[in-house]
Amino acid sequence: MSPLDAHLHVWDLEVGRYPWLGPEHGDLYRSHLPAEAERELGDAGVAGAVLVQAEDTATDTAWLLETAASHPWVLGVVGWVQLDDPDVAAVQLDELAGSHLCGIRHLVHDDHRPDFLDLPGVRRSLARVARLGLPLDVPDAWPRHLDAVARLADALPELTVVLDHLAKPPRGGDDLAAWEQALRGAGERPNVVAKLSGLHVPGQPFTVDALRPVRDVALDVFGARRLMFGSDWPMAAQHTAYAEVLEVARALVGELGAAEQEEIWAGTARRVYDLSEGSTDGRKRDV
C-alpha cells in the first residue's frame, strides 16, 4: 500500500529566518524546497505529504499554504498562529479560512516558557482551534511538555493532540523508562495520538531491531488507530536517506496485520487532519 507522509518539512532561507537552524547543522543549513521534496516522495513511492511548519511565524505558514495551493502532492499544512494571544490567534484563524490548513503547531521545545501549554491565553486559543476541528501538533514533548500534554488533553477533551516523533524517546539513555511512563500517562487520554517519526538519536542505530521496542510501546499505548507514519524529512536526512527511513518503517509496520498497516500508513492521518480520500488531493479547510 502507498504510504502517506504525515510529517514533512520544506523551508526557504530567503523567506524565513529559522532561528534554530545554523551553519553547525551542515547540509541541513540550506533551502529545502518543494521540488526536492517531491522528488524524494516520488522516488520512494509515497502518495502525498502533510507539510509541517518549521518557524513560529505567519510568514512561514503563508509560504507553506502557497506551496500547498500549487503542489497537488501536498495534502495539508500544519501551520502556526499566535496561541498565547487569543485575539490575534482568532484573527489569524479567520484569515486562514478556505486554505489547506489542517493543524496548528508551536515550537514548544524552543519556547523559554516551560508552562506554555498551561497558559490561560494558550488554552483559550486552543479551545477555538478545537471548535474548528483542527488538531494541535506538539514537537519534542519529552521531557518538558509530555505531562503538560496530558493536562491539556483533560482540559480540552474536544482537542486532538498529536505527539510528533512519539514525543522523542531517548533511545539508549537512562531515562527511557521515564519517557515510557509519561507517554503511557498521556496516551490514556483518547484525544492524544502520535507519529512514528523523527526517531533518530545521535549515536544510536536506526534499524528495525533498534526501533522495534519503541514501536511496541507505541502500539501498546495508542494502538494503530492513533498512530501515523511521518518521515521528518529533511531533519532525518542528517542521519538517514529518505528511502532508508521508509525502508525501516515498512519493515516495522509490515510486521502488523493489514488493517493496522492501513491505519498507520494513511487512515489515522486522514482522520486526524481531515484529509480527503483522493491519492494526492488535499482539502481546503473552512476554518
Protein backbone atom coordinates (compact mmCIF):
# COMPACT_ATOMS: atom_id res chain seq x y z
CA MET A 1 0.00 0.00 0.00
CA SER A 2 1.16 3.53 -0.71
CA PRO A 3 2.14 5.49 2.42
CA LEU A 4 1.03 8.99 3.28
CA ASP A 5 3.83 11.02 4.89
CA ALA A 6 2.21 12.87 7.80
CA HIS A 7 5.30 14.88 8.76
CA LEU A 8 7.48 16.55 6.16
CA HIS A 9 9.22 19.94 6.15
CA VAL A 10 10.20 22.37 3.43
CA TRP A 11 11.79 25.76 4.00
CA ASP A 12 13.34 28.59 2.06
CA LEU A 13 16.13 30.61 3.70
CA GLU A 14 15.12 33.56 1.52
CA VAL A 15 11.62 33.52 3.06
CA GLY A 16 12.10 32.63 6.73
CA ARG A 17 14.74 33.12 9.41
CA TYR A 18 14.50 29.72 11.16
CA PRO A 19 16.40 30.79 14.31
CA TRP A 20 17.10 27.19 15.32
CA LEU A 21 18.97 26.49 12.07
CA GLY A 22 22.60 27.50 11.51
CA PRO A 23 25.89 26.54 9.82
CA GLU A 24 26.56 23.99 12.54
CA HIS A 25 23.79 21.88 11.01
CA GLY A 26 25.79 21.15 7.87
CA ASP A 27 23.78 20.37 4.74
CA LEU A 28 20.56 21.00 6.63
CA TYR A 29 21.51 24.70 6.60
CA ARG A 30 20.19 25.43 3.12
CA SER A 31 16.82 25.80 1.48
CA HIS A 32 14.89 22.55 1.16
CA LEU A 33 12.32 23.40 -1.49
CA PRO A 34 9.12 21.67 -2.64
CA ALA A 35 10.67 20.35 -5.85
CA GLU A 36 13.32 18.44 -3.90
CA ALA A 37 10.72 17.05 -1.51
CA GLU A 38 8.53 15.98 -4.43
CA ARG A 39 11.44 14.05 -5.94
CA GLU A 40 12.09 12.26 -2.64
CA LEU A 41 8.44 11.27 -2.33
CA GLY A 42 8.17 10.17 -5.94
CA ASP A 43 11.33 8.06 -5.80
CA ALA A 44 10.05 6.36 -2.63
CA GLY A 45 6.53 5.77 -3.96
CA VAL A 46 4.84 7.95 -1.35
CA ALA A 47 1.42 9.26 -2.40
CA GLY A 48 1.49 12.66 -0.69
CA ALA A 49 2.51 14.51 2.44
CA VAL A 50 1.44 16.89 5.16
CA LEU A 51 3.76 19.89 5.42
CA VAL A 52 4.65 20.93 8.97
CA GLN A 53 5.82 24.40 9.98
CA ALA A 54 9.46 24.94 10.94
CA GLU A 55 9.22 28.52 12.21
CA ASP A 56 6.77 30.24 14.55
CA THR A 57 5.80 32.98 12.11
CA ALA A 58 2.84 33.84 9.93
CA THR A 59 5.30 34.27 7.05
CA ASP A 60 6.41 30.64 7.15
CA THR A 61 2.81 29.41 7.36
CA ALA A 62 1.72 31.62 4.46
CA TRP A 63 4.57 30.24 2.33
CA LEU A 64 3.62 26.66 3.18
CA LEU A 65 0.00 27.34 2.25
CA GLU A 66 1.08 28.88 -1.05
CA THR A 67 3.13 25.75 -1.66
CA ALA A 68 0.12 23.55 -0.90
CA ALA A 69 -2.08 25.52 -3.28
CA SER A 70 0.31 24.92 -6.18
CA HIS A 71 1.52 21.36 -5.46
CA PRO A 72 -1.10 18.58 -5.60
CA TRP A 73 1.08 16.19 -3.59
CA VAL A 74 0.69 18.43 -0.53
CA LEU A 75 -2.35 17.12 1.34
CA GLY A 76 -2.43 19.76 4.06
CA VAL A 77 -0.39 22.16 6.19
CA VAL A 78 0.21 22.15 9.92
CA GLY A 79 0.82 25.85 10.43
CA TRP A 80 1.33 28.40 13.22
CA VAL A 81 -0.83 31.03 14.87
CA GLN A 82 -0.01 33.11 17.92
CA LEU A 83 -1.60 30.88 20.52
CA ASP A 84 -0.53 32.97 23.50
CA ASP A 85 -2.70 35.88 22.28
CA PRO A 86 -6.26 34.62 21.76
CA ASP A 87 -7.39 37.77 19.93
CA VAL A 88 -4.54 37.60 17.44
CA ALA A 89 -4.99 33.85 17.03
CA ALA A 90 -8.69 34.34 16.27
CA VAL A 91 -7.91 36.87 13.53
CA GLN A 92 -5.23 34.63 12.03
CA LEU A 93 -7.53 31.61 12.03
CA ASP A 94 -10.25 33.63 10.31
CA GLU A 95 -7.76 34.76 7.67
CA LEU A 96 -6.76 31.14 7.02
CA ALA A 97 -10.31 30.05 6.24
CA GLY A 98 -10.52 28.22 2.92
CA SER A 99 -6.81 27.32 2.91
CA HIS A 100 -5.09 23.94 3.15
CA LEU A 101 -4.57 24.42 6.89
CA CYS A 102 -5.13 21.07 8.62
CA GLY A 103 -3.49 21.62 12.01
CA ILE A 104 -1.64 24.02 14.31
CA ARG A 105 1.83 23.73 15.85
CA HIS A 106 4.05 25.84 18.09
CA LEU A 107 7.73 25.02 18.68
CA VAL A 108 7.23 24.44 22.39
CA HIS A 109 10.67 22.86 22.78
CA ASP A 110 12.27 26.14 21.67
CA ASP A 111 9.97 28.35 23.78
CA HIS A 112 11.54 29.65 27.01
CA ARG A 113 8.26 29.17 28.87
CA PRO A 114 8.13 25.63 30.28
CA ASP A 115 4.42 26.04 31.04
CA PHE A 116 3.41 27.20 27.55
CA LEU A 117 0.62 24.62 27.15
CA ASP A 118 -0.81 25.58 30.55
CA LEU A 119 -1.00 29.33 29.87
CA PRO A 120 -4.61 30.62 30.10
CA GLY A 121 -4.33 32.51 26.81
CA VAL A 122 -2.98 29.44 25.04
CA ARG A 123 -5.82 27.34 26.43
CA ARG A 124 -8.39 29.85 25.16
CA SER A 125 -6.81 29.85 21.71
CA LEU A 126 -6.72 26.06 21.63
CA ALA A 127 -10.39 25.89 22.59
CA ARG A 128 -11.08 27.84 19.39
CA VAL A 129 -8.72 25.58 17.43
CA ALA A 130 -10.66 22.58 18.73
CA ARG A 131 -14.02 24.10 17.76
CA LEU A 132 -12.70 24.47 14.23
CA GLY A 133 -11.83 20.79 14.13
CA LEU A 134 -8.09 21.38 13.93
CA PRO A 135 -5.58 19.28 15.91
CA LEU A 136 -2.53 20.59 17.77
CA ASP A 137 0.89 19.10 16.99
CA VAL A 138 3.36 19.12 19.89
CA PRO A 139 7.02 18.63 18.89
CA ASP A 140 9.69 17.01 21.06
CA ALA A 141 7.39 16.77 24.08
CA TRP A 142 9.83 14.76 26.20
CA PRO A 143 11.00 15.74 28.73
CA ARG A 144 9.50 19.22 29.29
CA HIS A 145 6.00 19.00 27.87
CA LEU A 146 4.73 15.43 27.94
CA ASP A 147 2.97 15.76 31.30
CA ALA A 148 1.51 19.08 30.11
CA VAL A 149 0.03 17.27 27.10
CA ALA A 150 -1.92 15.04 29.48
CA ARG A 151 -3.22 18.08 31.38
CA LEU A 152 -4.16 19.81 28.13
CA ALA A 153 -5.97 16.74 26.83
CA ASP A 154 -8.00 16.59 30.04
CA ALA A 155 -8.81 20.30 29.96
CA LEU A 156 -9.86 20.27 26.29
CA PRO A 157 -11.20 16.80 25.51
CA GLU A 158 -12.55 18.07 22.18
CA LEU A 159 -8.99 18.93 21.04
CA THR A 160 -6.90 16.25 19.31
CA VAL A 161 -3.27 16.49 20.43
CA VAL A 162 -0.63 14.98 18.14
CA LEU A 163 2.66 13.91 19.71
CA ASP A 164 5.22 14.46 16.98
CA HIS A 165 8.07 11.93 16.86
CA LEU A 166 6.49 9.77 19.56
CA ALA A 167 7.48 12.56 21.99
CA LYS A 168 11.19 11.89 21.20
CA PRO A 169 12.05 8.67 23.07
CA PRO A 170 15.58 8.95 24.50
CA ARG A 171 16.77 5.67 22.99
CA GLY A 172 19.95 4.47 24.63
CA GLY A 173 19.51 6.78 27.61
CA ASP A 174 18.88 6.09 31.28
CA ASP A 175 15.55 7.93 31.17
CA LEU A 176 13.84 5.74 28.57
CA ALA A 177 11.67 4.18 31.29
CA ALA A 178 10.61 7.64 32.47
CA TRP A 179 9.68 8.57 28.89
CA GLU A 180 7.58 5.43 28.59
CA GLN A 181 5.77 6.14 31.86
CA ALA A 182 4.95 9.69 30.79
CA LEU A 183 3.91 8.53 27.32
CA ARG A 184 1.55 5.99 28.84
CA GLY A 185 0.07 8.71 31.01
CA ALA A 186 -0.60 10.94 28.00
CA GLY A 187 -1.84 8.01 25.95
CA GLU A 188 -4.55 7.22 28.49
CA ARG A 189 -6.36 10.25 27.05
CA PRO A 190 -8.29 9.15 23.94
CA ASN A 191 -7.75 12.52 22.24
CA VAL A 192 -3.95 12.06 22.15
CA VAL A 193 -2.38 10.47 19.07
CA ALA A 194 1.24 10.08 17.97
CA LYS A 195 3.53 9.99 14.97
CA LEU A 196 6.07 7.29 14.27
CA SER A 197 8.55 9.84 13.02
CA GLY A 198 11.80 11.58 13.94
CA LEU A 199 13.14 8.66 15.99
CA HIS A 200 16.81 9.23 15.19
CA VAL A 201 19.09 9.65 18.21
CA PRO A 202 22.76 10.59 17.74
CA GLY A 203 24.99 7.62 18.41
CA GLN A 204 22.12 5.11 18.36
CA PRO A 205 21.41 2.71 15.49
CA PHE A 206 18.44 3.38 13.23
CA THR A 207 17.48 -0.18 12.43
CA VAL A 208 14.40 -2.36 12.63
CA ASP A 209 15.73 -4.20 15.68
CA ALA A 210 16.74 -0.97 17.44
CA LEU A 211 13.36 0.69 16.86
CA ARG A 212 11.10 -2.28 17.48
CA PRO A 213 10.97 -1.73 21.29
CA VAL A 214 9.66 1.84 20.98
CA ARG A 215 7.26 0.75 18.23
CA ASP A 216 5.93 -1.91 20.56
CA VAL A 217 5.42 0.66 23.32
CA ALA A 218 3.64 2.94 20.86
CA LEU A 219 1.31 0.16 19.72
CA ASP A 220 0.53 -0.84 23.28
CA VAL A 221 -0.21 2.76 24.30
CA PHE A 222 -2.09 4.03 21.26
CA GLY A 223 -2.99 1.13 19.00
CA ALA A 224 -2.69 1.52 15.25
CA ARG A 225 -5.75 3.79 15.02
CA ARG A 226 -3.90 6.50 16.94
CA LEU A 227 -0.54 6.16 15.18
CA MET A 228 0.65 7.59 11.86
CA PHE A 229 3.86 7.49 9.83
CA GLY A 230 5.98 10.55 9.17
CA SER A 231 9.44 10.83 7.68
CA ASP A 232 10.53 14.09 9.36
CA TRP A 233 12.40 14.90 6.13
CA PRO A 234 14.80 16.69 5.80
CA MET A 235 15.61 16.56 9.53
CA ALA A 236 16.01 12.79 9.28
CA ALA A 237 18.25 13.23 6.23
CA GLN A 238 21.01 14.39 8.59
CA HIS A 239 21.31 10.74 9.57
CA THR A 240 19.47 8.58 7.04
CA ALA A 241 18.26 8.97 3.45
CA TYR A 242 14.50 9.24 2.87
CA ALA A 243 14.41 5.84 1.18
CA GLU A 244 16.17 4.24 4.16
CA VAL A 245 13.75 5.84 6.65
CA LEU A 246 10.87 4.42 4.65
CA GLU A 247 12.55 1.02 4.36
CA VAL A 248 12.84 0.73 8.15
CA ALA A 249 9.26 1.94 8.60
CA ARG A 250 7.97 -0.55 6.02
CA ALA A 251 9.66 -3.38 7.89
CA LEU A 252 8.30 -2.31 11.28
CA VAL A 253 4.78 -1.64 10.03
CA GLY A 254 4.88 -4.71 7.79
CA GLU A 255 5.07 -6.94 10.85
CA LEU A 256 1.49 -5.91 11.68
CA GLY A 257 -1.85 -7.00 10.28
CA ALA A 258 -3.25 -5.46 7.11
CA ALA A 259 -5.81 -3.30 8.93
CA GLU A 260 -3.18 -1.94 11.31
CA GLN A 261 -0.87 -1.16 8.42
CA GLU A 262 -3.57 0.81 6.64
CA GLU A 263 -4.21 2.91 9.75
CA ILE A 264 -0.55 3.80 10.28
CA TRP A 265 0.17 4.47 6.60
CA ALA A 266 -2.88 6.61 5.90
CA GLY A 267 -6.05 6.07 7.91
CA THR A 268 -5.05 7.84 11.12
CA ALA A 269 -3.59 10.84 9.32
CA ARG A 270 -6.67 11.23 7.15
CA ARG A 271 -8.94 11.22 10.19
CA VAL A 272 -6.81 13.45 12.41
CA TYR A 273 -6.09 16.05 9.72
CA ASP A 274 -9.44 15.63 7.95
CA LEU A 275 -7.80 14.94 4.61
CA SER A 276 -9.69 13.96 1.50
CA GLU A 277 -9.66 10.37 0.32
CA GLY A 278 -8.03 11.12 -3.03
CA SER A 279 -4.50 9.82 -3.51
CA THR A 280 -2.91 13.26 -3.60
CA ASP A 281 -5.75 15.78 -3.35
CA GLY A 282 -5.67 17.83 -0.19
CA ARG A 283 -8.81 19.53 1.03
CA LYS A 284 -9.16 23.23 1.67
CA ARG A 285 -10.43 23.89 5.15
CA ASP A 286 -13.27 26.26 6.02
CA VAL A 287 -11.81 27.29 9.34
